Amino acid sequence: MEPRISIITIATDDLDRAVRFYEAMGLTRHAGITDGVAFFQMGGVILGLFPRASAEEDSGIAFTGAPSAVYLAYNTRSDAEVDEVLAMAQEAGGRIVKPAGRAFWG
């Protein structure tokens, strides 16, 4: 496993406001994927913004009470690497909250 983070996702109560903030900070929104989500390429990492309800549905976790929720993604280089990385995460004490699968963006 290569030590890296692929996507940092922020669950937000106001997607449009969050997008305006990060654009005002100089980030450029990915123009090809804009339906209910926002992605910003930041070098080798992607910042993703999701509406809180969509993020909760996607992750299977309720983020109740938190002002915002952040979760991390590790995109593997191959399908074969998925099981290996999930097993490593679980062995290290992580909790797998959602089975592996392809995201709608690719």
PDB file of N, CA and C in Angstrom:
ATOM      1  N   MET A   1       0.832  -1.177   0.000  1.00  0.00           N
ATOM      2  CA  MET A   1       0.000   0.000   0.000  1.00  0.00           C
ATOM      3  C   MET A   1       0.877   1.241   0.000  1.00  0.00           C
ATOM      4  N   GLU A   2       0.582   2.136  -0.867  1.00  0.00           N
ATOM      5  CA  GLU A   2       1.293   3.412  -0.940  1.00  0.00           C
ATOM      6  C   GLU A   2       0.676   4.377   0.076  1.00  0.00           C
ATOM      7  N   PRO A   3       1.461   4.963   0.978  1.00  0.00           N
ATOM      8  CA  PRO A   3       0.888   5.877   1.961  1.00  0.00           C
ATOM      9  C   PRO A   3       0.474   7.198   1.318  1.00  0.00           C
ATOM     10  N   ARG A   4      -0.838   7.393   1.203  1.00  0.00           N
ATOM     11  CA  ARG A   4      -1.365   8.624   0.615  1.00  0.00           C
ATOM     12  C   ARG A   4      -2.845   8.729   0.938  1.00  0.00           C
ATOM     13  N   ILE A   5      -3.403   9.891   0.763  1.00  0.00           N
ATOM     14  CA  ILE A   5      -4.836  10.118   0.859  1.00  0.00           C
ATOM     15  C   ILE A   5      -5.293  10.570  -0.510  1.00  0.00           C
ATOM     16  N   SER A   6      -6.363   9.984  -1.012  1.00  0.00           N
ATOM     17  CA  SER A   6      -6.874  10.326  -2.333  1.00  0.00           C
ATOM     18  C   SER A   6      -7.875  11.469  -2.280  1.00  0.00           C
ATOM     19  N   ILE A   7      -8.826  11.367  -1.350  1.00  0.00           N
ATOM     20  CA  ILE A   7      -9.895  12.360  -1.265  1.00  0.00           C
ATOM     21  C   ILE A   7     -10.145  12.717   0.199  1.00  0.00           C
ATOM     22  N   ILE A   8     -10.236  14.000   0.461  1.00  0.00           N
ATOM     23  CA  ILE A   8     -10.704  14.494   1.753  1.00  0.00           C
ATOM     24  C   ILE A   8     -12.103  15.048   1.499  1.00  0.00           C
ATOM     25  N   THR A   9     -13.097  14.484   2.156  1.00  0.00           N
ATOM     26  CA  THR A   9     -14.473  14.893   1.941  1.00  0.00           C
ATOM     27  C   THR A   9     -14.988  15.635   3.160  1.00  0.00           C
ATOM     28  N   ILE A  10     -15.650  16.745   2.908  1.00  0.00           N
ATOM     29  CA  ILE A  10     -16.297  17.503   3.967  1.00  0.00           C
ATOM     30  C   ILE A  10     -17.802  17.427   3.731  1.00  0.00           C
ATOM     31  N   ALA A  11     -18.529  16.966   4.735  1.00  0.00           N
ATOM     32  CA  ALA A  11     -19.987  16.960   4.694  1.00  0.00           C
ATOM     33  C   ALA A  11     -20.453  18.317   5.198  1.00  0.00           C
ATOM     34  N   THR A  12     -21.250  18.996   4.417  1.00  0.00           N
ATOM     35  CA  THR A  12     -21.646  20.355   4.755  1.00  0.00           C
ATOM     36  C   THR A  12     -23.159  20.524   4.713  1.00  0.00           C
ATOM     37  N   ASP A  13     -23.663  21.411   5.543  1.00  0.00           N
ATOM     38  CA  ASP A  13     -25.090  21.705   5.544  1.00  0.00           C
ATOM     39  C   ASP A  13     -25.484  22.631   4.400  1.00  0.00           C
ATOM     40  N   ASP A  14     -24.512  23.350   3.827  1.00  0.00           N
ATOM     41  CA  ASP A  14     -24.807  24.304   2.759  1.00  0.00           C
ATOM     42  C   ASP A  14     -23.729  24.177   1.677  1.00  0.00           C
ATOM     43  N   LEU A  15     -23.990  23.321   0.697  1.00  0.00           N
ATOM     44  CA  LEU A  15     -23.009  23.048  -0.359  1.00  0.00           C
ATOM     45  C   LEU A  15     -22.642  24.313  -1.123  1.00  0.00           C
ATOM     46  N   ASP A  16     -23.630  25.096  -1.524  1.00  0.00           N
ATOM     47  CA  ASP A  16     -23.334  26.303  -2.312  1.00  0.00           C
ATOM     48  C   ASP A  16     -22.444  27.276  -1.543  1.00  0.00           C
ATOM     49  N   ARG A  17     -22.718  27.453  -0.272  1.00  0.00           N
ATOM     50  CA  ARG A  17     -21.894  28.348   0.547  1.00  0.00           C
ATOM     51  C   ARG A  17     -20.468  27.818   0.655  1.00  0.00           C
ATOM     52  N   ALA A  18     -20.329  26.513   0.871  1.00  0.00           N
ATOM     53  CA  ALA A  18     -18.996  25.917   0.983  1.00  0.00           C
ATOM     54  C   ALA A  18     -18.228  26.062  -0.327  1.00  0.00           C
ATOM     55  N   VAL A  19     -18.910  25.852  -1.457  1.00  0.00           N
ATOM     56  CA  VAL A  19     -18.260  26.010  -2.765  1.00  0.00           C
ATOM     57  C   VAL A  19     -17.775  27.454  -2.930  1.00  0.00           C
ATOM     58  N   ARG A  20     -18.632  28.403  -2.609  1.00  0.00           N
ATOM     59  CA  ARG A  20     -18.230  29.813  -2.729  1.00  0.00           C
ATOM     60  C   ARG A  20     -17.004  30.111  -1.876  1.00  0.00           C
ATOM     61  N   PHE A  21     -16.951  29.558  -0.665  1.00  0.00           N
ATOM     62  CA  PHE A  21     -15.806  29.772   0.220  1.00  0.00           C
ATOM     63  C   PHE A  21     -14.520  29.260  -0.416  1.00  0.00           C
ATOM     64  N   TYR A  22     -14.520  27.994  -0.866  1.00  0.00           N
ATOM     65  CA  TYR A  22     -13.284  27.421  -1.409  1.00  0.00           C
ATOM     66  C   TYR A  22     -12.894  28.067  -2.735  1.00  0.00           C
ATOM     67  N   GLU A  23     -13.868  28.493  -3.530  1.00  0.00           N
ATOM     68  CA  GLU A  23     -13.531  29.235  -4.746  1.00  0.00           C
ATOM     69  C   GLU A  23     -12.923  30.592  -4.394  1.00  0.00           C
ATOM     70  N   ALA A  24     -13.449  31.246  -3.365  1.00  0.00           N
ATOM     71  CA  ALA A  24     -12.890  32.527  -2.926  1.00  0.00           C
ATOM     72  C   ALA A  24     -11.481  32.359  -2.374  1.00  0.00           C
ATOM     73  N   MET A  25     -11.171  31.152  -1.890  1.00  0.00           N
ATOM     74  CA  MET A  25      -9.829  30.856  -1.395  1.00  0.00           C
ATOM     75  C   MET A  25      -8.870  30.496  -2.525  1.00  0.00           C
ATOM     76  N   GLY A  26      -9.358  30.523  -3.787  1.00  0.00           N
ATOM     77  CA  GLY A  26      -8.492  30.306  -4.929  1.00  0.00           C
ATOM     78  C   GLY A  26      -8.563  28.922  -5.549  1.00  0.00           C
ATOM     79  N   LEU A  27      -9.403  28.034  -5.020  1.00  0.00           N
ATOM     80  CA  LEU A  27      -9.526  26.694  -5.594  1.00  0.00           C
ATOM     81  C   LEU A  27     -10.474  26.739  -6.789  1.00  0.00           C
ATOM     82  N   THR A  28     -10.236  25.873  -7.750  1.00  0.00           N
ATOM     83  CA  THR A  28     -11.078  25.793  -8.942  1.00  0.00           C
ATOM     84  C   THR A  28     -11.895  24.517  -8.891  1.00  0.00           C
ATOM     85  N   ARG A  29     -13.205  24.681  -8.986  1.00  0.00           N
ATOM     86  CA  ARG A  29     -14.118  23.537  -8.934  1.00  0.00           C
ATOM     87  C   ARG A  29     -14.022  22.728 -10.214  1.00  0.00           C
ATOM     88  N   HIS A  30     -14.031  21.411 -10.073  1.00  0.00           N
ATOM     89  CA  HIS A  30     -14.040  20.514 -11.230  1.00  0.00           C
ATOM     90  C   HIS A  30     -15.332  20.761 -11.999  1.00  0.00           C
ATOM     91  N   ALA A  31     -15.222  21.125 -13.257  1.00  0.00           N
ATOM     92  CA  ALA A  31     -16.389  21.525 -14.041  1.00  0.00           C
ATOM     93  C   ALA A  31     -17.216  20.347 -14.542  1.00  0.00           C
ATOM     94  N   GLY A  32     -16.651  19.160 -14.596  1.00  0.00           N
ATOM     95  CA  GLY A  32     -17.349  18.022 -15.182  1.00  0.00           C
ATOM     96  C   GLY A  32     -18.252  17.271 -14.226  1.00  0.00           C
ATOM     97  N   ILE A  33     -18.073  17.454 -12.922  1.00  0.00           N
ATOM     98  CA  ILE A  33     -18.868  16.726 -11.939  1.00  0.00           C
ATOM     99  C   ILE A  33     -19.423  17.758 -10.955  1.00  0.00           C
ATOM    100  N   THR A  34     -20.681  18.147 -11.155  1.00  0.00           N
ATOM    101  CA  THR A  34     -21.229  19.233 -10.343  1.00  0.00           C
ATOM    102  C   THR A  34     -22.613  18.939  -9.774  1.00  0.00           C
ATOM    103  N   ASP A  35     -23.178  17.793 -10.056  1.00  0.00           N
ATOM    104  CA  ASP A  35     -24.537  17.496  -9.624  1.00  0.00           C
ATOM    105  C   ASP A  35     -24.562  17.045  -8.159  1.00  0.00           C
ATOM    106  N   GLY A  36     -24.811  17.970  -7.243  1.00  0.00           N
ATOM    107  CA  GLY A  36     -24.939  17.641  -5.834  1.00  0.00           C
ATOM    108  C   GLY A  36     -23.644  17.354  -5.118  1.00  0.00           C
ATOM    109  N   VAL A  37     -22.537  17.717  -5.708  1.00  0.00           N
ATOM    110  CA  VAL A  37     -21.223  17.485  -5.126  1.00  0.00           C
ATOM    111  C   VAL A  37     -20.255  18.488  -5.738  1.00  0.00           C
ATOM    112  N   ALA A  38     -19.177  18.756  -5.054  1.00  0.00           N
ATOM    113  CA  ALA A  38     -18.137  19.627  -5.613  1.00  0.00           C
ATOM    114  C   ALA A  38     -16.781  18.992  -5.340  1.00  0.00           C
ATOM    115  N   PHE A  39     -15.935  19.003  -6.363  1.00  0.00           N
ATOM    116  CA  PHE A  39     -14.574  18.487  -6.228  1.00  0.00           C
ATOM    117  C   PHE A  39     -13.592  19.579  -6.614  1.00  0.00           C
ATOM    118  N   PHE A  40     -12.496  19.648  -5.866  1.00  0.00           N
ATOM    119  CA  PHE A  40     -11.422  20.593  -6.131  1.00  0.00           C
ATOM    120  C   PHE A  40     -10.109  19.811  -6.141  1.00  0.00           C
ATOM    121  N   GLN A  41      -9.382  19.840  -7.250  1.00  0.00           N
ATOM    122  CA  GLN A  41      -8.086  19.165  -7.328  1.00  0.00           C
ATOM    123  C   GLN A  41      -7.072  20.005  -6.582  1.00  0.00           C
ATOM    124  N   MET A  42      -6.353  19.373  -5.663  1.00  0.00           N
ATOM    125  CA  MET A  42      -5.346  20.059  -4.859  1.00  0.00           C
ATOM    126  C   MET A  42      -4.058  19.251  -4.916  1.00  0.00           C
ATOM    127  N   GLY A  43      -3.313  19.408  -5.986  1.00  0.00           N
ATOM    128  CA  GLY A  43      -2.126  18.581  -6.172  1.00  0.00           C
ATOM    129  C   GLY A  43      -2.551  17.142  -6.348  1.00  0.00           C
ATOM    130  N   GLY A  44      -2.036  16.252  -5.522  1.00  0.00           N
ATOM    131  CA  GLY A  44      -2.380  14.842  -5.619  1.00  0.00           C
ATOM    132  C   GLY A  44      -3.585  14.434  -4.796  1.00  0.00           C
ATOM    133  N   VAL A  45      -4.249  15.406  -4.183  1.00  0.00           N
ATOM    134  CA  VAL A  45      -5.408  15.125  -3.325  1.00  0.00           C
ATOM    135  C   VAL A  45      -6.613  15.883  -3.863  1.00  0.00           C
ATOM    136  N   ILE A  46      -7.780  15.287  -3.717  1.00  0.00           N
ATOM    137  CA  ILE A  46      -9.016  15.948  -4.112  1.00  0.00           C
ATOM    138  C   ILE A  46      -9.771  16.341  -2.847  1.00  0.00           C
ATOM    139  N   LEU A  47     -10.238  17.585  -2.803  1.00  0.00           N
ATOM    140  CA  LEU A  47     -11.149  18.020  -1.760  1.00  0.00           C
ATOM    141  C   LEU A  47     -12.557  17.840  -2.304  1.00  0.00           C
ATOM    142  N   GLY A  48     -13.375  17.072  -1.598  1.00  0.00           N
ATOM    143  CA  GLY A  48     -14.751  16.850  -2.011  1.00  0.00           C
ATOM    144  C   GLY A  48     -15.707  17.472  -1.013  1.00  0.00           C
ATOM    145  N   LEU A  49     -16.739  18.132  -1.523  1.00  0.00           N
ATOM    146  CA  LEU A  49     -17.788  18.691  -0.677  1.00  0.00           C
ATOM    147  C   LEU A  49     -19.091  17.986  -1.014  1.00  0.00           C
ATOM    148  N   PHE A  50     -19.771  17.474  -0.010  1.00  0.00           N
ATOM    149  CA  PHE A  50     -21.050  16.794  -0.181  1.00  0.00           C
ATOM    150  C   PHE A  50     -22.059  17.416   0.770  1.00  0.00           C
ATOM    151  N   PRO A  51     -23.319  17.488   0.366  1.00  0.00           N
ATOM    152  CA  PRO A  51     -24.345  17.844   1.345  1.00  0.00           C
ATOM    153  C   PRO A  51     -24.351  16.798   2.458  1.00  0.00           C
ATOM    154  N   ARG A  52     -24.573  17.240   3.679  1.00  0.00           N
ATOM    155  CA  ARG A  52     -24.520  16.342   4.830  1.00  0.00           C
ATOM    156  C   ARG A  52     -25.411  15.117   4.633  1.00  0.00           C
ATOM    157  N   ALA A  53     -26.653  15.307   4.183  1.00  0.00           N
ATOM    158  CA  ALA A  53     -27.567  14.171   4.023  1.00  0.00           C
ATOM    159  C   ALA A  53     -27.023  13.166   3.014  1.00  0.00           C
ATOM    160  N   SER A  54     -26.442  13.648   1.928  1.00  0.00           N
ATOM    161  CA  SER A  54     -25.867  12.744   0.919  1.00  0.00           C
ATOM    162  C   SER A  54     -24.659  12.000   1.471  1.00  0.00           C
ATOM    163  N   ALA A  55     -23.842  12.693   2.249  1.00  0.00           N
ATOM    164  CA  ALA A  55     -22.657  12.060   2.839  1.00  0.00           C
ATOM    165  C   ALA A  55     -23.063  10.998   3.852  1.00  0.00           C
ATOM    166  N   GLU A  56     -24.093  11.299   4.630  1.00  0.00           N
ATOM    167  CA  GLU A  56     -24.573  10.310   5.599  1.00  0.00           C
ATOM    168  C   GLU A  56     -25.115   9.074   4.884  1.00  0.00           C
ATOM    169  N   GLU A  57     -25.873   9.296   3.815  1.00  0.00           N
ATOM    170  CA  GLU A  57     -26.398   8.167   3.041  1.00  0.00           C
ATOM    171  C   GLU A  57     -25.271   7.364   2.408  1.00  0.00           C
ATOM    172  N   ASP A  58     -24.286   8.053   1.848  1.00  0.00           N
ATOM    173  CA  ASP A  58     -23.162   7.386   1.188  1.00  0.00           C
ATOM    174  C   ASP A  58     -22.334   6.567   2.165  1.00  0.00           C
ATOM    175  N   SER A  59     -22.084   7.118   3.358  1.00  0.00           N
ATOM    176  CA  SER A  59     -21.217   6.441   4.313  1.00  0.00           C
ATOM    177  C   SER A  59     -21.962   5.474   5.220  1.00  0.00           C
ATOM    178  N   GLY A  60     -23.257   5.674   5.359  1.00  0.00           N
ATOM    179  CA  GLY A  60     -24.022   4.847   6.278  1.00  0.00           C
ATOM    180  C   GLY A  60     -23.857   5.266   7.732  1.00  0.00           C
ATOM    181  N   ILE A  61     -23.340   6.470   7.956  1.00  0.00           N
ATOM    182  CA  ILE A  61     -23.102   6.982   9.309  1.00  0.00           C
ATOM    183  C   ILE A  61     -23.854   8.301   9.474  1.00  0.00           C
ATOM    184  N   ALA A  62     -24.522   8.475  10.601  1.00  0.00           N
ATOM    185  CA  ALA A  62     -25.172   9.749  10.911  1.00  0.00           C
ATOM    186  C   ALA A  62     -24.155  10.664  11.585  1.00  0.00           C
ATOM    187  N   PHE A  63     -24.005  11.864  11.067  1.00  0.00           N
ATOM    188  CA  PHE A  63     -23.052  12.835  11.613  1.00  0.00           C
ATOM    189  C   PHE A  63     -23.746  13.792  12.573  1.00  0.00           C
ATOM    190  N   THR A  64     -24.691  13.330  13.313  1.00  0.00           N
ATOM    191  CA  THR A  64     -25.500  14.186  14.173  1.00  0.00           C
ATOM    192  C   THR A  64     -24.644  14.927  15.194  1.00  0.00           C
ATOM    193  N   GLY A  65     -25.031  16.168  15.402  1.00  0.00           N
ATOM    194  CA  GLY A  65     -24.386  16.963  16.432  1.00  0.00           C
ATOM    195  C   GLY A  65     -23.076  17.609  16.031  1.00  0.00           C
ATOM    196  N   ALA A  66     -22.447  17.154  14.993  1.00  0.00           N
ATOM    197  CA  ALA A  66     -21.151  17.723  14.592  1.00  0.00           C
ATOM    198  C   ALA A  66     -21.380  18.937  13.693  1.00  0.00           C
ATOM    199  N   PRO A  67     -20.589  19.993  13.862  1.00  0.00           N
ATOM    200  CA  PRO A  67     -20.746  21.152  12.978  1.00  0.00           C
ATOM    201  C   PRO A  67     -20.406  20.813  11.528  1.00  0.00           C
ATOM    202  N   SER A  68     -19.506  19.892  11.342  1.00  0.00           N
ATOM    203  CA  SER A  68     -19.181  19.378  10.021  1.00  0.00           C
ATOM    204  C   SER A  68     -18.548  18.013  10.233  1.00  0.00           C
ATOM    205  N   ALA A  69     -18.471  17.259   9.176  1.00  0.00           N
ATOM    206  CA  ALA A  69     -17.860  15.941   9.278  1.00  0.00           C
ATOM    207  C   ALA A  69     -16.864  15.798   8.139  1.00  0.00           C
ATOM    208  N   VAL A  70     -15.727  15.229   8.449  1.00  0.00           N
ATOM    209  CA  VAL A  70     -14.681  15.028   7.451  1.00  0.00           C
ATOM    210  C   VAL A  70     -14.380  13.544   7.399  1.00  0.00           C
ATOM    211  N   TYR A  71     -14.304  12.993   6.192  1.00  0.00           N
ATOM    212  CA  TYR A  71     -13.857  11.622   6.077  1.00  0.00           C
ATOM    213  C   TYR A  71     -12.888  11.499   4.916  1.00  0.00           C
ATOM    214  N   LEU A  72     -12.026  10.507   5.002  1.00  0.00           N
ATOM    215  CA  LEU A  72     -10.920  10.351   4.077  1.00  0.00           C
ATOM    216  C   LEU A  72     -11.161   9.154   3.166  1.00  0.00           C
ATOM    217  N   ALA A  73     -10.642   9.242   1.959  1.00  0.00           N
ATOM    218  CA  ALA A  73     -10.740   8.132   1.011  1.00  0.00           C
ATOM    219  C   ALA A  73      -9.348   7.748   0.531  1.00  0.00           C
ATOM    220  N   TYR A  74      -9.193   6.475   0.276  1.00  0.00           N
ATOM    221  CA  TYR A  74      -7.960   5.957  -0.318  1.00  0.00           C
ATOM    222  C   TYR A  74      -8.374   5.211  -1.576  1.00  0.00           C
ATOM    223  N   ASN A  75      -8.054   5.769  -2.721  1.00  0.00           N
ATOM    224  CA  ASN A  75      -8.378   5.118  -3.989  1.00  0.00           C
ATOM    225  C   ASN A  75      -7.244   4.187  -4.362  1.00  0.00           C
ATOM    226  N   THR A  76      -7.573   2.924  -4.589  1.00  0.00           N
ATOM    227  CA  THR A  76      -6.547   1.953  -4.943  1.00  0.00           C
ATOM    228  C   THR A  76      -6.203   2.065  -6.420  1.00  0.00           C
ATOM    229  N   ARG A  77      -5.082   1.498  -6.771  1.00  0.00           N
ATOM    230  CA  ARG A  77      -4.649   1.520  -8.168  1.00  0.00           C
ATOM    231  C   ARG A  77      -5.234   0.353  -8.964  1.00  0.00           C
ATOM    232  N   SER A  78      -5.808  -0.621  -8.250  1.00  0.00           N
ATOM    233  CA  SER A  78      -6.418  -1.764  -8.933  1.00  0.00           C
ATOM    234  C   SER A  78      -7.511  -2.349  -8.051  1.00  0.00           C
ATOM    235  N   ASP A  79      -8.424  -3.089  -8.657  1.00  0.00           N
ATOM    236  CA  ASP A  79      -9.477  -3.759  -7.891  1.00  0.00           C
ATOM    237  C   ASP A  79      -8.884  -4.767  -6.913  1.00  0.00           C
ATOM    238  N   ALA A  80      -7.814  -5.409  -7.291  1.00  0.00           N
ATOM    239  CA  ALA A  80      -7.196  -6.423  -6.438  1.00  0.00           C
ATOM    240  C   ALA A  80      -6.648  -5.821  -5.137  1.00  0.00           C
ATOM    241  N   GLU A  81      -6.275  -4.574  -5.172  1.00  0.00           N
ATOM    242  CA  GLU A  81      -5.700  -3.922  -4.002  1.00  0.00           C
ATOM    243  C   GLU A  81      -6.761  -3.548  -2.951  1.00  0.00           C
ATOM    244  N   VAL A  82      -8.024  -3.503  -3.346  1.00  0.00           N
ATOM    245  CA  VAL A  82      -9.090  -3.063  -2.446  1.00  0.00           C
ATOM    246  C   VAL A  82      -9.164  -3.932  -1.197  1.00  0.00           C
ATOM    247  N   ASP A  83      -9.290  -5.255  -1.360  1.00  0.00           N
ATOM    248  CA  ASP A  83      -9.401  -6.153  -0.208  1.00  0.00           C
ATOM    249  C   ASP A  83      -8.188  -6.047   0.706  1.00  0.00           C
ATOM    250  N   GLU A  84      -7.009  -5.907   0.112  1.00  0.00           N
ATOM    251  CA  GLU A  84      -5.775  -5.788   0.899  1.00  0.00           C
ATOM    252  C   GLU A  84      -5.802  -4.541   1.773  1.00  0.00           C
ATOM    253  N   VAL A  85      -6.188  -3.415   1.201  1.00  0.00           N
ATOM    254  CA  VAL A  85      -6.199  -2.161   1.945  1.00  0.00           C
ATOM    255  C   VAL A  85      -7.273  -2.184   3.029  1.00  0.00           C
ATOM    256  N   LEU A  86      -8.457  -2.713   2.716  1.00  0.00           N
ATOM    257  CA  LEU A  86      -9.516  -2.801   3.730  1.00  0.00           C
ATOM    258  C   LEU A  86      -9.106  -3.710   4.883  1.00  0.00           C
ATOM    259  N   ALA A  87      -8.464  -4.821   4.582  1.00  0.00           N
ATOM    260  CA  ALA A  87      -8.000  -5.734   5.628  1.00  0.00           C
ATOM    261  C   ALA A  87      -6.955  -5.052   6.510  1.00  0.00           C
ATOM    262  N   MET A  88      -6.048  -4.305   5.899  1.00  0.00           N
ATOM    263  CA  MET A  88      -5.032  -3.580   6.667  1.00  0.00           C
ATOM    264  C   MET A  88      -5.685  -2.552   7.588  1.00  0.00           C
ATOM    265  N   ALA A  89      -6.673  -1.831   7.062  1.00  0.00           N
ATOM    266  CA  ALA A  89      -7.344  -0.808   7.866  1.00  0.00           C
ATOM    267  C   ALA A  89      -8.071  -1.434   9.049  1.00  0.00           C
ATOM    268  N   GLN A  90      -8.751  -2.536   8.806  1.00  0.00           N
ATOM    269  CA  GLN A  90      -9.479  -3.203   9.886  1.00  0.00           C
ATOM    270  C   GLN A  90      -8.515  -3.766  10.932  1.00  0.00           C
ATOM    271  N   GLU A  91      -7.438  -4.351  10.466  1.00  0.00           N
ATOM    272  CA  GLU A  91      -6.434  -4.904  11.379  1.00  0.00           C
ATOM    273  C   GLU A  91      -5.788  -3.814  12.230  1.00  0.00           C
ATOM    274  N   ALA A  92      -5.695  -2.609  11.667  1.00  0.00           N
ATOM    275  CA  ALA A  92      -5.090  -1.485  12.391  1.00  0.00           C
ATOM    276  C   ALA A  92      -6.071  -0.833  13.363  1.00  0.00           C
ATOM    277  N   GLY A  93      -7.310  -1.347  13.403  1.00  0.00           N
ATOM    278  CA  GLY A  93      -8.287  -0.813  14.339  1.00  0.00           C
ATOM    279  C   GLY A  93      -9.359   0.028  13.695  1.00  0.00           C
ATOM    280  N   GLY A  94      -9.321   0.145  12.376  1.00  0.00           N
ATOM    281  CA  GLY A  94     -10.347   0.906  11.669  1.00  0.00           C
ATOM    282  C   GLY A  94     -11.659   0.140  11.617  1.00  0.00           C
ATOM    283  N   ARG A  95     -12.727   0.867  11.391  1.00  0.00           N
ATOM    284  CA  ARG A  95     -14.051   0.254  11.287  1.00  0.00           C
ATOM    285  C   ARG A  95     -14.534   0.438   9.862  1.00  0.00           C
ATOM    286  N   ILE A  96     -14.790  -0.643   9.173  1.00  0.00           N
ATOM    287  CA  ILE A  96     -15.294  -0.588   7.799  1.00  0.00           C
ATOM    288  C   ILE A  96     -16.795  -0.349   7.897  1.00  0.00           C
ATOM    289  N   VAL A  97     -17.238   0.827   7.467  1.00  0.00           N
ATOM    290  CA  VAL A  97     -18.647   1.189   7.614  1.00  0.00           C
ATOM    291  C   VAL A  97     -19.437   0.978   6.332  1.00  0.00           C
ATOM    292  N   LYS A  98     -18.736   0.726   5.246  1.00  0.00           N
ATOM    293  CA  LYS A  98     -19.400   0.564   3.959  1.00  0.00           C
ATOM    294  C   LYS A  98     -18.555  -0.389   3.120  1.00  0.00           C
ATOM    295  N   PRO A  99     -19.181  -1.365   2.488  1.00  0.00           N
ATOM    296  CA  PRO A  99     -18.393  -2.264   1.647  1.00  0.00           C
ATOM    297  C   PRO A  99     -17.790  -1.513   0.464  1.00  0.00           C
ATOM    298  N   ALA A 100     -16.707  -2.018  -0.041  1.00  0.00           N
ATOM    299  CA  ALA A 100     -16.044  -1.381  -1.178  1.00  0.00           C
ATOM    300  C   ALA A 100     -16.959  -1.401  -2.396  1.00  0.00           C
ATOM    301  N   GLY A 101     -16.822  -0.396  -3.208  1.00  0.00           N
ATOM    302  CA  GLY A 101     -17.607  -0.308  -4.442  1.00  0.00           C
ATOM    303  C   GLY A 101     -17.177   0.890  -5.247  1.00  0.00           C
ATOM    304  N   ARG A 102     -17.569   0.879  -6.476  1.00  0.00           N
ATOM    305  CA  ARG A 102     -17.228   2.009  -7.356  1.00  0.00           C
ATOM    306  C   ARG A 102     -18.156   3.176  -7.078  1.00  0.00           C
ATOM    307  N   ALA A 103     -17.581   4.369  -7.046  1.00  0.00           N
ATOM    308  CA  ALA A 103     -18.359   5.582  -6.849  1.00  0.00           C
ATOM    309  C   ALA A 103     -18.958   6.029  -8.187  1.00  0.00           C
ATOM    310  N   PHE A 104     -19.985   6.822  -8.121  1.00  0.00           N
ATOM    311  CA  PHE A 104     -20.654   7.256  -9.340  1.00  0.00           C
ATOM    312  C   PHE A 104     -19.755   8.100 -10.238  1.00  0.00           C
ATOM    313  N   TRP A 105     -18.696   8.693  -9.656  1.00  0.00           N
ATOM    314  CA  TRP A 105     -17.809   9.536 -10.473  1.00  0.00           C
ATOM    315  C   TRP A 105     -16.670   8.761 -11.097  1.00  0.00           C
ATOM    316  N   GLY A 106     -16.576   7.476 -10.815  1.00  0.00           N
ATOM    317  CA  GLY A 106     -15.545   6.687 -11.497  1.00  0.00           C
ATOM    318  C   GLY A 106     -14.829   5.728 -10.592  1.00  0.00           C
TER     319      GLY A 106
END
